[in-house]
């Protein structure tokens, strides 16, 4: 099996992507009214720049979301009917002109997608605890003027239209793309507490030092790994978009052969997750520096995929052992692996590891190898 991964350098408000070309969108945009993104929004919107200069928080909030709304309109165009869009976004707390308030980014994104004819589906709240000892802001121990600290983000889920995608009965790609029963129970919970946030840098290669994009270098376990290296100022924020989030969403909402789009590509975490998950991907990124820096992450995909797939197989075997110790029995056996499964739909479940990654003119070509038993055995017999 092969997958293709294309990276487009350009403005996501005018994507170089054909109509109905992708089956899934997974992205984490810049968050309006988070100060680290002010320069980027100001560069894209004169209204946002003017409002920020005038300390008009409401007007800045509106202008920033209008920038995002232009991207969401493009998402509508390129996403197939019934396709799913997943948007990871957090709310913002900020003091502007002596007024402290919360800016509810998730609510504005929901409104924008609904206006475009998307149907909101149940969303996910993922809790991303930080290492900060300050769990509140404001007046310390004295009520009533303290404020809770936001330690969660949203994964908003939308369907393009009122109907789900159509598949032929027994479609093999769909059944091979199944997940384990216990994964379903964890992944489709509306609160994720097992996904740890990671640090994220905003870096600049401009002489004026303004930030140009996002850098979220994450490993499968949610801890920081190597990422983009550009010249300039580096500012960090905690609990950014970890690999686990797009990898999980890609497995939840797409099948082998599908194409995943990230219109706010950054350092390519969604494309890396698509490589590991055996899907195609398209990324749109304003800054060439981030695209050039992705080569090292792509080169790590084979090792990362073996780690991820090995962990999934090990976790399932541990689940089977626990159930048997509790006296439970299984009615179905996997057709590919040496263990039972809980449901009939899991029998054809097939996992792949990345064999190699080849750079192409448009991006990358990835060769995927089926895992017969364990990633180590697959590697030895390939």
Protein backbone atom coordinates (compact mmCIF):
# COMPACT_ATOMS: atom_id res chain seq x y z
CA UNK A 1 0.00 0.00 0.00
CA UNK A 2 1.20 3.50 -0.79
CA UNK A 3 0.10 6.93 0.35
CA UNK A 4 0.87 10.38 -1.03
CA UNK A 5 1.45 13.54 0.96
CA UNK A 6 1.36 16.96 -0.68
CA UNK A 7 2.29 20.27 0.92
CA UNK A 8 1.03 23.50 -0.65
CA UNK A 9 2.80 26.73 0.24
CA UNK A 10 0.13 29.42 0.16
CA UNK A 11 -2.83 31.06 1.84
CA UNK A 12 -5.48 28.63 3.08
CA UNK A 13 -8.14 31.20 2.20
CA UNK A 14 -7.44 30.34 -1.44
CA UNK A 15 -6.32 26.72 -1.42
CA UNK A 16 -4.74 25.08 -4.42
CA UNK A 17 -6.92 22.03 -3.81
CA UNK A 18 -9.65 20.70 -6.09
CA UNK A 19 -13.33 20.57 -5.17
CA UNK A 20 -14.39 17.46 -3.21
CA UNK A 21 -10.77 16.29 -3.05
CA UNK A 22 -10.52 15.28 0.62
CA UNK A 23 -12.53 13.04 2.92
CA UNK A 24 -11.37 14.42 6.26
CA UNK A 25 -10.09 17.71 7.65
CA UNK A 26 -8.03 17.71 10.85
CA UNK A 27 -6.55 21.00 11.93
CA UNK A 28 -5.62 23.28 14.81
CA UNK A 29 -5.78 26.92 13.70
CA UNK A 30 -4.22 29.94 15.40
CA UNK A 31 -6.47 30.82 18.32
CA UNK A 32 -8.00 34.31 18.14
CA UNK A 33 -7.18 36.56 21.09
CA UNK A 34 -4.24 34.42 22.18
CA UNK A 35 -1.56 37.12 22.21
CA UNK A 36 1.11 35.01 20.54
CA UNK A 37 -1.00 34.98 17.34
CA UNK A 38 -1.68 38.75 17.20
CA UNK A 39 1.03 39.48 14.64
CA UNK A 40 -0.15 36.74 12.33
CA UNK A 41 -3.79 37.86 12.40
CA UNK A 42 -2.75 41.50 12.04
CA UNK A 43 -0.74 40.63 8.93
CA UNK A 44 -3.77 38.90 7.42
CA UNK A 45 -6.44 41.44 8.40
CA UNK A 46 -6.22 45.23 8.49
CA UNK A 47 -9.35 45.26 10.63
CA UNK A 48 -7.71 42.99 13.20
CA UNK A 49 -4.58 45.15 13.23
CA UNK A 50 -6.59 48.34 13.73
CA UNK A 51 -8.68 46.82 16.52
CA UNK A 52 -5.63 45.52 18.34
CA UNK A 53 -3.92 48.91 18.08
CA UNK A 54 -7.04 50.53 19.48
CA UNK A 55 -7.46 48.03 22.34
CA UNK A 56 -10.89 47.05 20.99
CA UNK A 57 -11.08 43.40 22.04
CA UNK A 58 -14.52 42.67 20.60
CA UNK A 59 -13.66 44.09 17.19
CA UNK A 60 -10.34 42.23 17.13
CA UNK A 61 -12.11 38.99 18.06
CA UNK A 62 -14.63 39.47 15.22
CA UNK A 63 -11.93 40.33 12.67
CA UNK A 64 -9.79 37.33 13.58
CA UNK A 65 -12.71 34.95 13.24
CA UNK A 66 -13.56 36.43 9.85
CA UNK A 67 -10.06 35.40 8.74
CA UNK A 68 -10.77 31.85 9.93
CA UNK A 69 -14.24 31.91 8.34
CA UNK A 70 -12.64 32.43 4.92
CA UNK A 71 -10.67 29.24 5.48
CA UNK A 72 -13.77 27.36 6.61
CA UNK A 73 -15.47 28.35 3.35
CA UNK A 74 -12.60 26.72 1.47
CA UNK A 75 -12.91 23.65 3.69
CA UNK A 76 -16.55 23.41 2.62
CA UNK A 77 -15.49 23.47 -1.04
CA UNK A 78 -12.79 20.80 -0.90
CA UNK A 79 -14.45 18.36 1.54
CA UNK A 80 -16.61 15.61 0.04
CA UNK A 81 -20.31 15.48 0.94
CA UNK A 82 -20.59 13.60 4.20
CA UNK A 83 -16.92 14.19 4.97
CA UNK A 84 -15.85 15.13 8.47
CA UNK A 85 -14.02 18.24 9.67
CA UNK A 86 -12.29 18.19 13.08
CA UNK A 87 -11.08 21.49 14.52
CA UNK A 88 -8.91 21.59 17.64
CA UNK A 89 -9.36 25.00 19.25
CA UNK A 90 -9.14 26.55 22.70
CA UNK A 91 -10.81 29.56 24.24
CA UNK A 92 -8.80 32.61 25.25
CA UNK A 93 -8.66 34.69 28.41
CA UNK A 94 -7.30 38.19 28.02
CA UNK A 95 -7.26 41.65 29.51
CA UNK A 96 -7.87 44.37 26.92
CA UNK A 97 -8.24 48.04 27.87
CA UNK A 98 -8.54 47.17 31.58
CA UNK A 99 -11.31 44.62 30.94
CA UNK A 100 -10.61 40.91 31.62
CA UNK A 101 -12.84 38.34 29.91
CA UNK A 102 -12.97 34.98 28.16
CA UNK A 103 -13.18 34.89 24.38
CA UNK A 104 -15.12 31.76 23.40
CA UNK A 105 -13.37 30.65 20.24
CA UNK A 106 -15.09 27.28 20.16
CA UNK A 107 -18.54 28.91 20.03
CA UNK A 108 -17.57 31.14 17.11
CA UNK A 109 -16.12 28.24 15.15
CA UNK A 110 -19.31 26.22 15.69
CA UNK A 111 -21.36 29.18 14.48
CA UNK A 112 -19.21 29.62 11.37
CA UNK A 113 -19.47 25.95 10.37
CA UNK A 114 -23.22 25.85 10.99
CA UNK A 115 -23.67 28.93 8.77
CA UNK A 116 -21.91 27.06 5.97
CA UNK A 117 -24.31 24.11 6.19
CA UNK A 118 -22.17 21.76 8.24
CA UNK A 119 -23.92 19.68 10.86
CA UNK A 120 -22.23 19.85 14.28
CA UNK A 121 -21.60 16.41 15.77
CA UNK A 122 -20.74 15.62 19.40
CA UNK A 123 -17.43 17.23 20.26
CA UNK A 124 -14.55 16.22 22.50
CA UNK A 125 -13.19 18.11 25.47
CA UNK A 126 -9.55 17.24 25.98
CA UNK A 127 -7.96 18.22 29.20
CA UNK A 128 -4.37 19.33 28.83
CA UNK A 129 -2.94 19.89 32.32
CA UNK A 130 0.15 22.04 32.45
CA UNK A 131 2.96 22.11 34.96
CA UNK A 132 1.96 25.54 36.23
CA UNK A 133 1.29 25.80 39.95
CA UNK A 134 -1.03 28.77 39.36
CA UNK A 135 -4.46 27.19 39.04
CA UNK A 136 -6.29 30.48 39.12
CA UNK A 137 -5.91 34.11 38.17
CA UNK A 138 -6.99 37.24 39.95
CA UNK A 139 -7.20 38.02 43.65
CA UNK A 140 -5.49 34.97 45.11
CA UNK A 141 -7.14 33.58 48.25
CA UNK A 142 -9.74 36.32 48.61
CA UNK A 143 -13.16 35.99 46.90
CA UNK A 144 -14.81 36.87 44.68
CA UNK A 145 -12.43 38.15 41.98
CA UNK A 146 -10.34 35.08 41.11
CA UNK A 147 -10.77 33.19 37.83
CA UNK A 148 -10.36 29.53 36.98
CA UNK A 149 -7.51 28.54 34.69
CA UNK A 150 -8.47 27.10 31.31
CA UNK A 151 -6.87 23.65 31.08
CA UNK A 152 -8.95 22.18 28.30
CA UNK A 153 -9.40 22.51 24.56
CA UNK A 154 -12.11 21.40 22.19
CA UNK A 155 -12.06 19.03 19.28
CA UNK A 156 -15.08 20.26 17.34
CA UNK A 157 -16.51 17.74 14.87
CA UNK A 158 -18.64 18.63 11.85
CA UNK A 159 -20.19 16.68 8.99
CA UNK A 160 -20.40 18.29 5.56
CA UNK A 161 -24.14 18.03 4.99
CA UNK A 162 -26.86 15.98 6.60
CA UNK A 163 -25.90 12.55 5.29
CA UNK A 164 -22.95 10.32 6.06
CA UNK A 165 -20.62 9.07 3.34
CA UNK A 166 -21.80 6.09 1.32
CA UNK A 167 -19.81 2.85 1.26
CA UNK A 168 -20.44 -0.39 -0.58
CA UNK A 169 -21.63 -3.16 1.77
CA UNK A 170 -18.60 -4.98 3.18
CA UNK A 171 -16.16 -2.43 1.74
CA UNK A 172 -12.77 -4.05 2.54
CA UNK A 173 -10.95 -0.73 3.09
CA UNK A 174 -13.53 0.22 5.69
CA UNK A 175 -13.31 -3.07 7.59
CA UNK A 176 -9.51 -3.19 7.42
CA UNK A 177 -9.53 0.31 8.92
CA UNK A 178 -11.44 -0.81 12.01
CA UNK A 179 -10.19 0.01 15.48
CA UNK A 180 -10.27 -2.21 18.54
CA UNK A 181 -13.40 -2.28 20.71
CA UNK A 182 -11.52 -0.92 23.70
CA UNK A 183 -10.02 1.84 21.55
CA UNK A 184 -13.50 2.84 20.45
CA UNK A 185 -14.62 3.13 24.05
CA UNK A 186 -11.70 5.40 24.88
CA UNK A 187 -11.49 7.42 21.67
CA UNK A 188 -15.20 8.15 21.39
CA UNK A 189 -15.53 9.42 24.93
CA UNK A 190 -16.50 13.09 25.03
CA UNK A 191 -13.71 13.85 27.52
CA UNK A 192 -10.08 12.91 26.83
CA UNK A 193 -7.89 12.87 29.91
CA UNK A 194 -5.20 10.58 28.49
CA UNK A 195 -3.79 13.05 25.96
CA UNK A 196 -1.00 15.19 27.34
CA UNK A 197 -0.37 18.61 25.86
CA UNK A 198 3.08 19.50 24.57
CA UNK A 199 5.06 22.70 24.30
CA UNK A 200 4.83 24.67 21.09
CA UNK A 201 7.10 27.31 19.63
CA UNK A 202 6.24 30.21 17.43
CA UNK A 203 9.32 31.08 15.46
CA UNK A 204 10.32 33.76 13.02
CA UNK A 205 12.69 34.02 10.10
CA UNK A 206 11.80 37.64 9.45
CA UNK A 207 14.14 40.49 10.10
CA UNK A 208 11.41 42.28 12.05
CA UNK A 209 11.08 39.35 14.45
CA UNK A 210 7.33 38.86 13.89
CA UNK A 211 5.98 35.36 14.29
CA UNK A 212 5.21 33.50 11.10
CA UNK A 213 3.62 30.23 12.04
CA UNK A 214 3.29 27.36 14.47
CA UNK A 215 5.75 24.68 15.49
CA UNK A 216 4.30 21.72 17.36
CA UNK A 217 6.93 18.98 17.46
CA UNK A 218 5.31 16.05 19.20
CA UNK A 219 5.86 12.33 19.59
CA UNK A 220 3.22 9.63 19.81
CA UNK A 221 3.17 9.72 23.60
CA UNK A 222 2.54 13.46 23.64
CA UNK A 223 6.01 14.54 24.74
CA UNK A 224 8.21 17.00 22.92
CA UNK A 225 10.45 15.80 20.10
CA UNK A 226 12.48 17.51 17.41
CA UNK A 227 10.64 19.97 15.20
CA UNK A 228 11.12 22.81 12.79
CA UNK A 229 14.28 24.87 13.02
CA UNK A 230 13.97 28.40 11.70
CA UNK A 231 15.93 31.52 12.50
CA UNK A 232 14.52 34.12 14.86
CA UNK A 233 12.68 34.60 18.10
CA UNK A 234 11.16 31.59 19.84
CA UNK A 235 8.21 31.92 22.15
CA UNK A 236 6.75 28.88 23.83
CA UNK A 237 3.34 27.97 25.08
CA UNK A 238 2.36 24.80 26.89
CA UNK A 239 -0.14 22.09 25.97
CA UNK A 240 -0.07 22.41 22.18
CA UNK A 241 -1.40 20.06 19.48
CA UNK A 242 0.20 16.65 20.15
CA UNK A 243 0.60 13.84 17.61
CA UNK A 244 -1.97 11.74 19.47
CA UNK A 245 -4.83 14.10 18.62
CA UNK A 246 -4.64 13.96 14.80
CA UNK A 247 -3.61 10.29 14.80
CA UNK A 248 -6.65 9.36 16.85
CA UNK A 249 -9.03 11.52 14.77
CA UNK A 250 -7.70 10.15 11.48
CA UNK A 251 -8.38 6.59 12.64
CA UNK A 252 -11.81 7.56 13.96
CA UNK A 253 -13.11 9.39 10.90
CA UNK A 254 -11.37 8.03 7.78
CA UNK A 255 -10.43 4.79 6.05
CA UNK A 256 -7.38 3.56 4.17
CA UNK A 257 -7.16 5.40 0.86
CA UNK A 258 -8.78 8.60 2.15
CA UNK A 259 -7.09 11.99 1.99
CA UNK A 260 -6.73 14.19 5.08
CA UNK A 261 -6.38 17.97 4.80
CA UNK A 262 -4.78 20.35 7.28
CA UNK A 263 -5.22 23.98 6.15
CA UNK A 264 -3.08 25.23 9.07
CA UNK A 265 -0.21 22.81 8.52
CA UNK A 266 2.49 24.35 10.74
CA UNK A 267 5.19 21.73 11.24
CA UNK A 268 3.07 19.01 9.68
CA UNK A 269 1.84 17.02 12.68
CA UNK A 270 -1.35 16.08 10.81
CA UNK A 271 0.62 14.86 7.79
CA UNK A 272 2.92 12.85 10.04
CA UNK A 273 -0.12 11.28 11.70
CA UNK A 274 -1.60 10.49 8.27
CA UNK A 275 1.64 8.79 7.24
CA UNK A 276 1.59 6.62 10.35
CA UNK A 277 -2.14 5.90 9.93
CA UNK A 278 -1.78 4.93 6.25
CA UNK A 279 -3.84 7.77 4.76
CA UNK A 280 -3.00 10.38 2.12
CA UNK A 281 -2.64 13.99 3.18
CA UNK A 282 -2.62 17.57 1.91
CA UNK A 283 -1.23 20.43 3.96
CA UNK A 284 -1.49 24.17 3.33
CA UNK A 285 1.14 26.38 4.95
CA UNK A 286 2.01 30.06 4.50
CA UNK A 287 5.70 29.76 5.34
CA UNK A 288 8.15 27.77 3.22
CA UNK A 289 10.53 27.42 6.19
CA UNK A 290 8.20 25.03 7.97
CA UNK A 291 7.74 22.90 4.86
CA UNK A 292 11.49 22.64 4.33
CA UNK A 293 11.99 21.63 7.96
CA UNK A 294 9.55 18.70 7.71
CA UNK A 295 12.04 16.39 5.99
CA UNK A 296 13.49 15.28 9.32
CA UNK A 297 10.07 14.50 10.78
CA UNK A 298 9.12 12.52 7.67
CA UNK A 299 12.35 10.53 7.95
CA UNK A 300 11.30 9.53 11.49
CA UNK A 301 7.94 8.13 10.29
CA UNK A 302 9.09 4.47 9.95
CA UNK A 303 10.37 4.30 13.52
CA UNK A 304 7.41 6.24 14.87
CA UNK A 305 4.93 3.98 13.08
CA UNK A 306 6.54 0.87 14.55
CA UNK A 307 6.30 2.42 18.01
CA UNK A 308 2.64 3.40 17.56
CA UNK A 309 1.50 0.12 15.99
CA UNK A 310 3.50 -1.92 18.47
CA UNK A 311 1.85 -0.07 21.33
CA UNK A 312 -1.63 -0.65 19.89
CA UNK A 313 -1.01 -4.38 19.52
CA UNK A 314 0.54 -4.65 22.98
CA UNK A 315 -2.34 -2.74 24.52
CA UNK A 316 -4.88 -5.03 22.88
CA UNK A 317 -3.08 -8.16 24.04
CA UNK A 318 -3.00 -6.76 27.56
CA UNK A 319 -6.74 -6.05 27.29
CA UNK A 320 -7.39 -9.65 26.20
CA UNK A 321 -5.35 -10.98 29.12
CA UNK A 322 -7.23 -8.85 31.63
CA UNK A 323 -10.59 -9.95 30.28
CA UNK A 324 -9.59 -13.61 30.44
CA UNK A 325 -8.37 -13.21 34.00
CA UNK A 326 -11.82 -11.82 34.81
CA UNK A 327 -13.43 -14.93 33.31
CA UNK A 328 -14.59 -13.31 30.08
CA UNK A 329 -14.57 -15.15 26.75
CA UNK A 330 -14.29 -13.92 23.17
CA UNK A 331 -16.55 -14.99 20.32
CA UNK A 332 -14.34 -13.85 17.44
CA UNK A 333 -10.74 -14.30 16.32
CA UNK A 334 -8.70 -11.82 14.32
CA UNK A 335 -8.14 -12.92 10.71
CA UNK A 336 -4.61 -11.47 10.71
CA UNK A 337 -3.30 -11.57 14.27
CA UNK A 338 -2.83 -14.19 16.96
CA UNK A 339 -5.49 -12.87 19.34
CA UNK A 340 -9.25 -12.75 19.71
CA UNK A 341 -11.37 -9.63 19.26
CA UNK A 342 -14.56 -8.50 20.90
CA UNK A 343 -16.77 -7.82 17.87
CA UNK A 344 -17.34 -9.24 14.41
CA UNK A 345 -16.38 -5.89 12.84
CA UNK A 346 -12.83 -6.18 14.21
CA UNK A 347 -11.98 -9.46 12.53
CA UNK A 348 -10.53 -7.86 9.37
CA UNK A 349 -8.70 -5.11 11.23
CA UNK A 350 -5.28 -4.63 9.60
CA UNK A 351 -2.41 -2.46 10.76
CA UNK A 352 0.46 -1.13 8.66
CA UNK A 353 3.88 0.31 9.41
CA UNK A 354 5.80 2.77 7.27
CA UNK A 355 8.41 0.96 5.19
CA UNK A 356 10.07 3.99 3.66
CA UNK A 357 9.42 7.62 2.79
CA UNK A 358 10.48 9.06 -0.57
CA UNK A 359 10.56 12.79 -1.27
CA UNK A 360 8.71 13.85 -4.44
CA UNK A 361 8.25 17.14 -6.28
CA UNK A 362 4.97 17.80 -4.45
CA UNK A 363 5.76 16.23 -1.10
CA UNK A 364 6.27 12.60 -0.12
CA UNK A 365 5.43 9.05 -1.20
CA UNK A 366 5.14 6.51 1.60
CA UNK A 367 5.28 2.74 1.25
CA UNK A 368 3.31 0.90 3.92
CA UNK A 369 3.95 -2.70 4.99
CA UNK A 370 1.23 -4.87 6.53
CA UNK A 371 1.96 -6.08 10.03
CA UNK A 372 1.45 -9.83 10.22
CA UNK A 373 2.12 -10.27 13.93
CA UNK A 374 4.35 -7.60 15.44
CA UNK A 375 6.24 -4.67 13.89
CA UNK A 376 9.56 -6.42 14.60
CA UNK A 377 8.52 -9.60 12.75
CA UNK A 378 7.16 -7.58 9.84
CA UNK A 379 10.47 -5.73 9.54
CA UNK A 380 12.52 -8.96 9.61
CA UNK A 381 10.47 -10.70 6.90
CA UNK A 382 10.09 -7.72 4.55
